[in-house]
Protein backbone atom coordinates (compact mmCIF):
# COMPACT_ATOMS: atom_id res chain seq x y z
CA MET A 1 4.54 39.73 -17.02
CA GLN A 2 7.52 40.56 -19.25
CA ASP A 3 9.88 42.10 -16.72
CA ARG A 4 13.62 42.15 -16.97
CA PRO A 5 15.79 40.36 -16.37
CA THR A 6 14.24 37.50 -18.29
CA LEU A 7 14.59 33.90 -17.17
CA ARG A 8 17.17 33.39 -19.94
CA GLU A 9 19.17 36.42 -18.77
CA LEU A 10 19.14 35.16 -15.19
CA LEU A 11 20.38 31.74 -16.25
CA ASP A 12 23.06 33.31 -18.47
CA ALA A 13 24.28 35.47 -15.58
CA ALA A 14 24.39 32.56 -13.14
CA GLU A 15 26.24 30.31 -15.59
CA ASP A 16 28.71 33.04 -16.49
CA TRP A 17 29.37 33.83 -12.82
CA LEU A 18 30.00 30.17 -12.06
CA ARG A 19 32.37 29.69 -15.00
CA THR A 20 34.31 32.96 -14.99
CA ASP A 21 34.16 34.33 -11.44
CA LEU A 22 33.67 31.49 -8.99
CA ARG A 23 35.33 28.48 -10.62
CA PRO A 24 38.83 30.00 -10.91
CA GLN A 25 38.77 30.76 -7.18
CA LEU A 26 38.03 27.16 -6.25
CA THR A 27 40.17 24.03 -6.24
CA GLY A 28 39.66 20.30 -6.42
CA GLY A 29 36.18 18.94 -5.93
CA ALA A 30 34.57 22.35 -5.43
CA GLN A 31 35.94 23.55 -8.77
CA PHE A 32 34.65 20.42 -10.49
CA HIS A 33 31.20 20.77 -8.89
CA SER A 34 30.95 24.41 -9.95
CA LEU A 35 31.56 23.26 -13.53
CA VAL A 36 28.88 20.59 -13.16
CA VAL A 37 26.37 23.21 -11.98
CA ALA A 38 27.34 25.55 -14.83
CA ASN A 39 26.77 22.68 -17.29
CA VAL A 40 23.37 21.98 -15.71
CA LEU A 41 22.41 25.61 -16.26
CA ALA A 42 23.50 25.34 -19.91
CA ILE A 43 21.30 22.25 -20.34
CA VAL A 44 18.34 24.04 -18.74
CA LYS A 45 18.80 26.96 -21.13
CA ARG A 46 18.94 24.69 -24.19
CA GLU A 47 15.87 22.83 -22.96
CA LEU A 48 13.97 26.07 -22.47
CA ASP A 49 14.97 27.17 -25.96
CA GLY A 50 14.11 23.98 -27.83
CA TYR A 51 11.73 21.95 -25.67
CA GLU A 52 8.41 23.04 -27.15
CA ALA A 53 9.46 22.73 -30.79
CA PHE A 54 11.26 19.41 -30.28
CA ASN A 55 8.34 17.97 -28.30
CA ALA A 56 5.84 19.10 -30.94
CA ASP A 57 7.92 17.46 -33.68
CA GLU A 58 8.27 14.24 -31.69
CA THR A 59 4.54 14.15 -30.91
CA ARG A 60 3.65 14.69 -34.58
CA ARG A 61 5.98 11.87 -35.67
CA LEU A 62 4.62 9.52 -33.01
CA ARG A 63 1.03 10.21 -34.08
CA GLU A 64 1.98 9.46 -37.69
CA LEU A 65 3.70 6.22 -36.65
CA LEU A 66 0.89 5.03 -34.39
CA GLY A 67 -1.98 6.03 -36.65
CA PRO A 68 -5.43 7.37 -35.85
CA GLY A 69 -7.16 6.78 -32.56
CA VAL A 70 -4.12 7.06 -30.31
CA GLU A 71 -4.41 9.84 -27.76
CA GLY A 72 -2.09 11.39 -25.21
CA GLY A 73 1.04 13.44 -24.92
CA VAL A 74 4.55 12.55 -25.89
CA ARG A 75 5.03 10.32 -22.83
CA GLU A 76 1.90 8.25 -23.46
CA LEU A 77 2.63 8.00 -27.17
CA ASN A 78 6.15 6.74 -26.44
CA PHE A 79 4.75 4.12 -24.06
CA GLU A 80 2.38 2.96 -26.79
CA LEU A 81 5.20 2.84 -29.34
CA CYS A 82 7.31 0.72 -26.96
CA ARG A 83 4.35 -1.54 -26.22
CA ARG A 84 3.76 -2.16 -29.94
CA ILE A 85 7.43 -2.90 -30.58
CA ARG A 86 7.61 -5.34 -27.63
CA ALA A 87 4.39 -7.03 -28.70
CA GLY A 88 5.67 -7.45 -32.24
CA GLU A 89 2.93 -5.18 -33.58
CA MET A 90 5.50 -2.81 -35.07
CA ALA A 91 8.61 -3.98 -36.89
CA ILE A 92 11.79 -2.44 -35.54
CA ASP A 93 13.23 -2.12 -39.06
CA ARG A 94 10.46 0.13 -40.40
CA GLU A 95 12.00 3.05 -42.24
CA ASP A 96 9.64 5.59 -40.67
CA LEU A 97 10.40 4.26 -37.17
CA ILE A 98 14.15 4.43 -37.75
CA ASP A 99 13.79 7.97 -39.06
CA HIS A 100 11.77 8.94 -35.96
CA LEU A 101 14.33 7.43 -33.60
CA ILE A 102 17.24 9.20 -35.30
CA ARG A 103 15.43 12.56 -35.25
CA THR A 104 14.42 12.12 -31.60
CA THR A 105 17.95 11.14 -30.58
CA LEU A 106 19.42 14.16 -32.37
CA ALA A 107 16.92 16.52 -30.72
CA LYS A 108 17.66 15.11 -27.27
CA GLY A 109 21.41 15.25 -27.86
CA SER A 110 21.22 18.85 -28.99
CA ILE A 111 19.78 19.71 -25.57
CA ASP A 112 21.77 17.34 -23.35
CA ASN A 113 25.23 17.88 -24.82
CA PRO A 114 25.55 19.18 -28.39
CA ARG A 115 29.36 18.97 -28.17
CA TYR A 116 29.35 15.24 -27.31
CA ALA A 117 31.38 13.36 -29.91
CA GLY A 118 28.70 10.72 -30.41
CA HIS A 119 26.07 13.38 -31.03
CA ARG A 120 28.31 15.20 -33.53
CA ARG A 121 28.99 11.91 -35.34
CA ILE A 122 25.25 11.22 -35.72
CA GLU A 123 24.71 14.80 -36.94
CA ARG A 124 27.37 14.28 -39.62
CA GLN A 125 25.90 10.90 -40.58
CA TRP A 126 22.33 12.22 -40.91
CA PRO A 127 22.57 16.00 -41.38
CA ASP A 128 19.11 16.16 -42.95
CA LYS A 129 17.55 14.69 -39.79
CA ALA A 130 19.11 17.09 -37.26
CA PRO A 131 16.74 19.71 -35.89
CA ALA A 132 17.59 23.32 -36.54
CA PRO A 133 18.72 24.70 -33.19
CA PRO A 134 16.83 27.72 -31.91
CA SER A 135 18.80 30.91 -32.48
CA THR A 136 19.48 31.19 -28.74
CA PHE A 137 21.29 27.84 -28.50
CA ASP A 138 24.85 28.15 -27.31
CA THR A 139 26.71 24.97 -28.24
CA ARG A 140 30.15 26.25 -27.20
CA ARG A 141 29.80 24.87 -23.66
């Protein structure tokens, strides 16, 4: 069912209310916690916007790294990748592995906190590896 308001609109309204209406009326710990909740809502929105595409990209890269015959979702494929690295079956300095790890880190950072200085530094260092953010991403907060 495609009723309005959409999930995105509900999250936008809740985040905006927390930041602009409620937070200025609070002090101390309550003000801080309202900001934390507003930031959580921003993360949820970015995850909703980018989760499927980022997961599909990560899964595709993992399948390429691990080769044929490996089944499962992103979680199982990551466990297998870790197992192979620990067992010495996959060299940690493989160019395709390093590329995968950089791309995965950038995708996760773009959801968790795209304004984080460390994330921005990695984006500048490897701009060709950063995922294109979905058009609905709001990186101002």
